[in-house]
């Protein structure tokens, strides 16, 4: 996503040139290093970014710092700024012993322009749908990256993301194969989520006996 200047996700907007985070147009305080980490994670949206990759991106190979403490501080600051949590992530997902992943769907743009934002709840209500799929197309070097995000409604919880990379000349080829892959992966996630929701409703409706 290196060619993009801004990314909007939910009520947030991130400016890559200034590394400024805004919430509904209002600047959110974020120190320089956490902002740099957020930029790295957003540029690799949907991918697992290893802690070692973050270390090299922030300090290089010739700087010796207490990396673990610093990266933990950065991630904590980002989550505070976004109102996110490690237990129920909407933006930054922790993959133990692997790294972190930016999981929120977003709209990338080269120039800042007014955007109304997606009212997913209204869309879901109009379609009588409990889930929606949001797609992103990004240019990644000489190739094209396609991201498909599965969102549950009405809580707008991000359940899963499917990523596919291809050269530009093949971007429109094999669409049926990509669609089948998305459908297959999302079907299993939908089944798991519906089972979880059913179990949760059953537990909440069970009377407590003393």
C-alpha atoms as a PDB file:
ATOM      1  CA  UNK A   1       0.000   0.000   0.000  1.00  0.00           C
ATOM      2  CA  UNK A   2       3.018   2.279  -0.288  1.00  0.00           C
ATOM      3  CA  UNK A   3       1.374   4.419  -3.003  1.00  0.00           C
ATOM      4  CA  UNK A   4      -1.538   5.411  -0.780  1.00  0.00           C
ATOM      5  CA  UNK A   5      -1.464   8.541   1.348  1.00  0.00           C
ATOM      6  CA  UNK A   6      -4.467   7.873   3.573  1.00  0.00           C
ATOM      7  CA  UNK A   7      -6.545   5.024   4.873  1.00  0.00           C
ATOM      8  CA  UNK A   8      -9.964   5.261   6.486  1.00  0.00           C
ATOM      9  CA  UNK A   9     -11.147   2.403   8.674  1.00  0.00           C
ATOM     10  CA  UNK A  10     -14.310   2.675  10.695  1.00  0.00           C
ATOM     11  CA  UNK A  11     -14.400   6.082  12.373  1.00  0.00           C
ATOM     12  CA  UNK A  12     -10.620   6.491  12.025  1.00  0.00           C
ATOM     13  CA  UNK A  13      -8.416   8.033   9.362  1.00  0.00           C
ATOM     14  CA  UNK A  14      -4.639   7.577   9.136  1.00  0.00           C
ATOM     15  CA  UNK A  15      -2.372   9.910   7.140  1.00  0.00           C
ATOM     16  CA  UNK A  16       0.796   8.124   6.017  1.00  0.00           C
ATOM     17  CA  UNK A  17       2.675  11.324   5.157  1.00  0.00           C
ATOM     18  CA  UNK A  18       2.229  12.924   8.594  1.00  0.00           C
ATOM     19  CA  UNK A  19       1.501   9.695  10.510  1.00  0.00           C
ATOM     20  CA  UNK A  20      -1.451  11.430  12.064  1.00  0.00           C
ATOM     21  CA  UNK A  21      -4.392   9.430  13.366  1.00  0.00           C
ATOM     22  CA  UNK A  22      -7.839  11.055  13.451  1.00  0.00           C
ATOM     23  CA  UNK A  23     -11.078   9.898  15.016  1.00  0.00           C
ATOM     24  CA  UNK A  24     -14.090  11.362  13.220  1.00  0.00           C
ATOM     25  CA  UNK A  25     -11.806  14.154  12.009  1.00  0.00           C
ATOM     26  CA  UNK A  26     -10.346  14.913  15.442  1.00  0.00           C
ATOM     27  CA  UNK A  27      -6.598  14.216  15.961  1.00  0.00           C
ATOM     28  CA  UNK A  28      -5.821  11.348  18.324  1.00  0.00           C
ATOM     29  CA  UNK A  29      -2.615  11.627  20.349  1.00  0.00           C
ATOM     30  CA  UNK A  30      -0.132   8.989  19.224  1.00  0.00           C
ATOM     31  CA  UNK A  31       3.602   9.183  19.834  1.00  0.00           C
ATOM     32  CA  UNK A  32       6.085   8.866  16.978  1.00  0.00           C
ATOM     33  CA  UNK A  33       7.104   5.221  17.396  1.00  0.00           C
ATOM     34  CA  UNK A  34       3.577   3.859  17.932  1.00  0.00           C
ATOM     35  CA  UNK A  35       2.491   5.842  14.856  1.00  0.00           C
ATOM     36  CA  UNK A  36       5.331   4.251  12.872  1.00  0.00           C
ATOM     37  CA  UNK A  37       4.293   0.784  14.030  1.00  0.00           C
ATOM     38  CA  UNK A  38       0.681   1.500  13.061  1.00  0.00           C
ATOM     39  CA  UNK A  39       1.813   2.642   9.613  1.00  0.00           C
ATOM     40  CA  UNK A  40       3.764  -0.605   9.115  1.00  0.00           C
ATOM     41  CA  UNK A  41       0.821  -2.733  10.204  1.00  0.00           C
ATOM     42  CA  UNK A  42      -1.645  -0.871   7.980  1.00  0.00           C
ATOM     43  CA  UNK A  43       0.641  -1.111   4.960  1.00  0.00           C
ATOM     44  CA  UNK A  44       0.594  -4.882   5.429  1.00  0.00           C
ATOM     45  CA  UNK A  45      -3.124  -5.135   6.208  1.00  0.00           C
ATOM     46  CA  UNK A  46      -4.295  -8.731   6.423  1.00  0.00           C
ATOM     47  CA  UNK A  47      -0.724 -10.039   6.785  1.00  0.00           C
ATOM     48  CA  UNK A  48       1.144 -11.212   9.846  1.00  0.00           C
ATOM     49  CA  UNK A  49       3.936  -8.727  10.572  1.00  0.00           C
ATOM     50  CA  UNK A  50       6.667 -10.404  12.602  1.00  0.00           C
ATOM     51  CA  UNK A  51       8.099  -8.642  15.637  1.00  0.00           C
ATOM     52  CA  UNK A  52      11.517  -8.871  13.981  1.00  0.00           C
ATOM     53  CA  UNK A  53      10.124  -7.012  10.947  1.00  0.00           C
ATOM     54  CA  UNK A  54       8.874  -4.278  13.249  1.00  0.00           C
ATOM     55  CA  UNK A  55      12.255  -4.122  14.978  1.00  0.00           C
ATOM     56  CA  UNK A  56      14.091  -3.640  11.676  1.00  0.00           C
ATOM     57  CA  UNK A  57      11.512  -1.131  10.478  1.00  0.00           C
ATOM     58  CA  UNK A  58      11.847   1.024  13.579  1.00  0.00           C
ATOM     59  CA  UNK A  59      15.462   0.691  14.639  1.00  0.00           C
ATOM     60  CA  UNK A  60      17.393  -1.107  11.919  1.00  0.00           C
ATOM     61  CA  UNK A  61      20.101  -3.680  12.545  1.00  0.00           C
ATOM     62  CA  UNK A  62      22.682  -1.383  14.139  1.00  0.00           C
ATOM     63  CA  UNK A  63      20.615   0.004  17.017  1.00  0.00           C
ATOM     64  CA  UNK A  64      20.395  -1.889  20.288  1.00  0.00           C
ATOM     65  CA  UNK A  65      17.304  -1.202  22.406  1.00  0.00           C
ATOM     66  CA  UNK A  66      15.036  -3.081  24.768  1.00  0.00           C
ATOM     67  CA  UNK A  67      12.973  -4.139  21.788  1.00  0.00           C
ATOM     68  CA  UNK A  68      10.388  -6.297  23.550  1.00  0.00           C
ATOM     69  CA  UNK A  69       9.544  -3.557  26.015  1.00  0.00           C
ATOM     70  CA  UNK A  70       9.373  -0.919  23.283  1.00  0.00           C
ATOM     71  CA  UNK A  71       7.170  -2.901  20.903  1.00  0.00           C
ATOM     72  CA  UNK A  72       4.828  -3.867  23.736  1.00  0.00           C
ATOM     73  CA  UNK A  73       4.559  -0.183  24.640  1.00  0.00           C
ATOM     74  CA  UNK A  74       3.847   0.761  21.013  1.00  0.00           C
ATOM     75  CA  UNK A  75       1.113  -1.847  20.584  1.00  0.00           C
ATOM     76  CA  UNK A  76      -0.473  -0.848  23.903  1.00  0.00           C
ATOM     77  CA  UNK A  77      -0.479   2.821  22.872  1.00  0.00           C
ATOM     78  CA  UNK A  78      -2.046   1.993  19.495  1.00  0.00           C
ATOM     79  CA  UNK A  79      -4.782  -0.054  21.130  1.00  0.00           C
ATOM     80  CA  UNK A  80      -5.493   2.736  23.605  1.00  0.00           C
ATOM     81  CA  UNK A  81      -5.754   5.254  20.761  1.00  0.00           C
ATOM     82  CA  UNK A  82      -8.105   2.984  18.791  1.00  0.00           C
ATOM     83  CA  UNK A  83     -10.111   1.785  21.794  1.00  0.00           C
ATOM     84  CA  UNK A  84      -9.061  -1.749  20.871  1.00  0.00           C
ATOM     85  CA  UNK A  85      -8.210  -4.754  23.031  1.00  0.00           C
ATOM     86  CA  UNK A  86      -6.059  -7.855  22.699  1.00  0.00           C
ATOM     87  CA  UNK A  87      -8.888 -10.080  23.922  1.00  0.00           C
ATOM     88  CA  UNK A  88     -11.482  -8.901  21.368  1.00  0.00           C
ATOM     89  CA  UNK A  89      -9.476  -7.167  18.631  1.00  0.00           C
ATOM     90  CA  UNK A  90     -11.199  -5.065  15.987  1.00  0.00           C
ATOM     91  CA  UNK A  91      -8.045  -3.501  14.577  1.00  0.00           C
ATOM     92  CA  UNK A  92      -4.805  -5.086  15.823  1.00  0.00           C
ATOM     93  CA  UNK A  93      -4.679  -8.862  16.257  1.00  0.00           C
ATOM     94  CA  UNK A  94      -1.902 -10.525  18.254  1.00  0.00           C
ATOM     95  CA  UNK A  95      -0.578 -13.822  16.925  1.00  0.00           C
ATOM     96  CA  UNK A  96       1.384 -15.345  19.832  1.00  0.00           C
ATOM     97  CA  UNK A  97       5.063 -15.958  19.061  1.00  0.00           C
ATOM     98  CA  UNK A  98       4.503 -14.707  15.495  1.00  0.00           C
ATOM     99  CA  UNK A  99       3.642 -11.028  15.451  1.00  0.00           C
ATOM    100  CA  UNK A 100       0.680  -8.765  14.775  1.00  0.00           C
ATOM    101  CA  UNK A 101      -1.910  -8.253  12.044  1.00  0.00           C
ATOM    102  CA  UNK A 102      -4.048  -5.270  11.071  1.00  0.00           C
ATOM    103  CA  UNK A 103      -7.500  -6.767  10.511  1.00  0.00           C
ATOM    104  CA  UNK A 104      -9.849  -3.808  10.003  1.00  0.00           C
ATOM    105  CA  UNK A 105     -11.261  -3.275   6.500  1.00  0.00           C
ATOM    106  CA  UNK A 106     -10.512   0.162   5.112  1.00  0.00           C
ATOM    107  CA  UNK A 107     -10.744   2.531   2.172  1.00  0.00           C
ATOM    108  CA  UNK A 108      -7.368   3.600   0.783  1.00  0.00           C
ATOM    109  CA  UNK A 109      -6.989   6.727  -1.315  1.00  0.00           C
ATOM    110  CA  UNK A 110      -4.246   8.709  -3.040  1.00  0.00           C
ATOM    111  CA  UNK A 111      -5.890  12.060  -2.322  1.00  0.00           C
ATOM    112  CA  UNK A 112      -8.041  13.038   0.621  1.00  0.00           C
ATOM    113  CA  UNK A 113     -11.674  13.350  -0.426  1.00  0.00           C
ATOM    114  CA  UNK A 114     -15.022  13.534   1.447  1.00  0.00           C
ATOM    115  CA  UNK A 115     -16.330   9.993   2.035  1.00  0.00           C
ATOM    116  CA  UNK A 116     -19.692   9.132   3.622  1.00  0.00           C
ATOM    117  CA  UNK A 117     -18.452   5.859   5.103  1.00  0.00           C
ATOM    118  CA  UNK A 118     -20.288   2.575   4.982  1.00  0.00           C
ATOM    119  CA  UNK A 119     -23.286   2.134   7.238  1.00  0.00           C
ATOM    120  CA  UNK A 120     -22.924  -1.624   7.442  1.00  0.00           C
ATOM    121  CA  UNK A 121     -25.797  -2.038   9.863  1.00  0.00           C
ATOM    122  CA  UNK A 122     -28.161  -0.241   7.491  1.00  0.00           C
ATOM    123  CA  UNK A 123     -26.906  -2.299   4.551  1.00  0.00           C
ATOM    124  CA  UNK A 124     -27.346  -5.527   6.475  1.00  0.00           C
ATOM    125  CA  UNK A 125     -30.830  -4.495   7.569  1.00  0.00           C
ATOM    126  CA  UNK A 126     -31.873  -3.620   4.019  1.00  0.00           C
ATOM    127  CA  UNK A 127     -30.598  -6.957   2.730  1.00  0.00           C
ATOM    128  CA  UNK A 128     -31.792  -8.860   5.803  1.00  0.00           C
ATOM    129  CA  UNK A 129     -28.225 -10.146   6.125  1.00  0.00           C
ATOM    130  CA  UNK A 130     -26.385 -11.146   9.279  1.00  0.00           C
ATOM    131  CA  UNK A 131     -22.954 -10.889   7.626  1.00  0.00           C
ATOM    132  CA  UNK A 132     -21.329  -8.786   4.905  1.00  0.00           C
ATOM    133  CA  UNK A 133     -18.159  -9.177   2.847  1.00  0.00           C
ATOM    134  CA  UNK A 134     -16.020  -6.103   2.189  1.00  0.00           C
ATOM    135  CA  UNK A 135     -13.430  -6.173  -0.577  1.00  0.00           C
ATOM    136  CA  UNK A 136     -10.193  -4.247  -1.041  1.00  0.00           C
ATOM    137  CA  UNK A 137      -7.908  -4.080  -4.072  1.00  0.00           C
ATOM    138  CA  UNK A 138      -4.387  -2.836  -3.357  1.00  0.00           C
ATOM    139  CA  UNK A 139      -1.333  -2.384  -5.524  1.00  0.00           C
ATOM    140  CA  UNK A 140       1.639  -4.186  -3.976  1.00  0.00           C
ATOM    141  CA  UNK A 141       4.798  -3.404  -5.915  1.00  0.00           C
ATOM    142  CA  UNK A 142       4.295  -4.869  -9.371  1.00  0.00           C
ATOM    143  CA  UNK A 143       1.333  -6.964  -8.305  1.00  0.00           C
ATOM    144  CA  UNK A 144      -2.251  -6.703  -7.132  1.00  0.00           C
ATOM    145  CA  UNK A 145      -3.485  -7.741  -3.704  1.00  0.00           C
ATOM    146  CA  UNK A 146      -7.126  -8.573  -3.076  1.00  0.00           C
ATOM    147  CA  UNK A 147      -8.484  -8.679   0.473  1.00  0.00           C
ATOM    148  CA  UNK A 148     -11.946  -9.954   1.373  1.00  0.00           C
ATOM    149  CA  UNK A 149     -13.163  -9.261   4.926  1.00  0.00           C
ATOM    150  CA  UNK A 150     -16.005 -11.125   6.617  1.00  0.00           C
ATOM    151  CA  UNK A 151     -17.950  -8.831   8.982  1.00  0.00           C
ATOM    152  CA  UNK A 152     -20.690  -9.918  11.379  1.00  0.00           C
ATOM    153  CA  UNK A 153     -23.683  -7.664  11.919  1.00  0.00           C
ATOM    154  CA  UNK A 154     -24.948  -5.770  13.800  1.00  0.00           C
ATOM    155  CA  UNK A 155     -21.871  -5.604  16.069  1.00  0.00           C
ATOM    156  CA  UNK A 156     -19.560  -5.220  13.017  1.00  0.00           C
ATOM    157  CA  UNK A 157     -17.094  -7.756  14.420  1.00  0.00           C
ATOM    158  CA  UNK A 158     -14.290  -8.664  12.004  1.00  0.00           C
ATOM    159  CA  UNK A 159     -14.295 -12.469  11.745  1.00  0.00           C
ATOM    160  CA  UNK A 160     -11.821 -13.350   8.993  1.00  0.00           C
ATOM    161  CA  UNK A 161      -9.856 -12.036   6.029  1.00  0.00           C
ATOM    162  CA  UNK A 162      -8.854 -13.837   2.827  1.00  0.00           C
ATOM    163  CA  UNK A 163      -5.884 -12.510   0.853  1.00  0.00           C
ATOM    164  CA  UNK A 164      -4.901 -13.236  -2.744  1.00  0.00           C
ATOM    165  CA  UNK A 165      -1.907 -11.822  -4.655  1.00  0.00           C
ATOM    166  CA  UNK A 166      -1.440 -11.826  -8.415  1.00  0.00           C
ATOM    167  CA  UNK A 167       0.392  -9.950 -11.201  1.00  0.00           C
ATOM    168  CA  UNK A 168      -1.659  -7.083 -12.716  1.00  0.00           C
ATOM    169  CA  UNK A 169      -2.189  -8.939 -16.007  1.00  0.00           C
ATOM    170  CA  UNK A 170      -3.793 -11.814 -14.123  1.00  0.00           C
ATOM    171  CA  UNK A 171      -5.893  -9.728 -11.746  1.00  0.00           C
ATOM    172  CA  UNK A 172      -9.088 -10.340 -13.681  1.00  0.00           C
ATOM    173  CA  UNK A 173      -8.290 -13.962 -14.437  1.00  0.00           C
ATOM    174  CA  UNK A 174      -9.275 -16.798 -12.169  1.00  0.00           C
ATOM    175  CA  UNK A 175     -12.022 -14.804 -10.476  1.00  0.00           C
ATOM    176  CA  UNK A 176     -14.181 -17.885 -10.139  1.00  0.00           C
ATOM    177  CA  UNK A 177     -11.357 -19.697  -8.339  1.00  0.00           C
ATOM    178  CA  UNK A 178     -10.903 -16.781  -5.936  1.00  0.00           C
ATOM    179  CA  UNK A 179     -14.645 -16.618  -5.334  1.00  0.00           C
ATOM    180  CA  UNK A 180     -14.690 -20.341  -4.522  1.00  0.00           C
ATOM    181  CA  UNK A 181     -11.796 -19.941  -2.126  1.00  0.00           C
ATOM    182  CA  UNK A 182     -13.473 -17.016  -0.350  1.00  0.00           C
ATOM    183  CA  UNK A 183     -16.758 -18.907  -0.151  1.00  0.00           C
ATOM    184  CA  UNK A 184     -15.053 -22.017   1.227  1.00  0.00           C
ATOM    185  CA  UNK A 185     -13.081 -20.190   3.915  1.00  0.00           C
ATOM    186  CA  UNK A 186     -15.977 -17.960   4.899  1.00  0.00           C
ATOM    187  CA  UNK A 187     -18.412 -20.892   5.039  1.00  0.00           C
ATOM    188  CA  UNK A 188     -16.348 -22.597   7.734  1.00  0.00           C
ATOM    189  CA  UNK A 189     -16.071 -19.327   9.671  1.00  0.00           C
ATOM    190  CA  UNK A 190     -19.808 -18.735   9.393  1.00  0.00           C
ATOM    191  CA  UNK A 191     -20.547 -22.210  10.694  1.00  0.00           C
ATOM    192  CA  UNK A 192     -18.208 -21.733  13.649  1.00  0.00           C
ATOM    193  CA  UNK A 193     -19.573 -18.287  14.436  1.00  0.00           C
ATOM    194  CA  UNK A 194     -23.197 -19.393  14.241  1.00  0.00           C
ATOM    195  CA  UNK A 195     -22.458 -22.335  16.519  1.00  0.00           C
ATOM    196  CA  UNK A 196     -20.786 -19.977  18.976  1.00  0.00           C
ATOM    197  CA  UNK A 197     -23.713 -17.554  18.828  1.00  0.00           C
ATOM    198  CA  UNK A 198     -26.223 -20.361  19.395  1.00  0.00           C
ATOM    199  CA  UNK A 199     -24.241 -21.658  22.375  1.00  0.00           C
ATOM    200  CA  UNK A 200     -24.002 -18.149  23.824  1.00  0.00           C
ATOM    201  CA  UNK A 201     -27.745 -17.611  23.538  1.00  0.00           C
ATOM    202  CA  UNK A 202     -28.413 -20.990  25.129  1.00  0.00           C
ATOM    203  CA  UNK A 203     -26.107 -20.190  28.039  1.00  0.00           C
ATOM    204  CA  UNK A 204     -27.706 -16.775  28.600  1.00  0.00           C
ATOM    205  CA  UNK A 205     -31.189 -18.275  28.646  1.00  0.00           C
ATOM    206  CA  UNK A 206     -30.359 -21.060  31.110  1.00  0.00           C
ATOM    207  CA  UNK A 207     -31.801 -20.201  34.545  1.00  0.00           C
ATOM    208  CA  UNK A 208     -29.378 -20.052  37.416  1.00  0.00           C
ATOM    209  CA  UNK A 209     -30.195 -22.517  40.169  1.00  0.00           C
ATOM    210  CA  UNK A 210     -28.984 -22.242  43.696  1.00  0.00           C
END
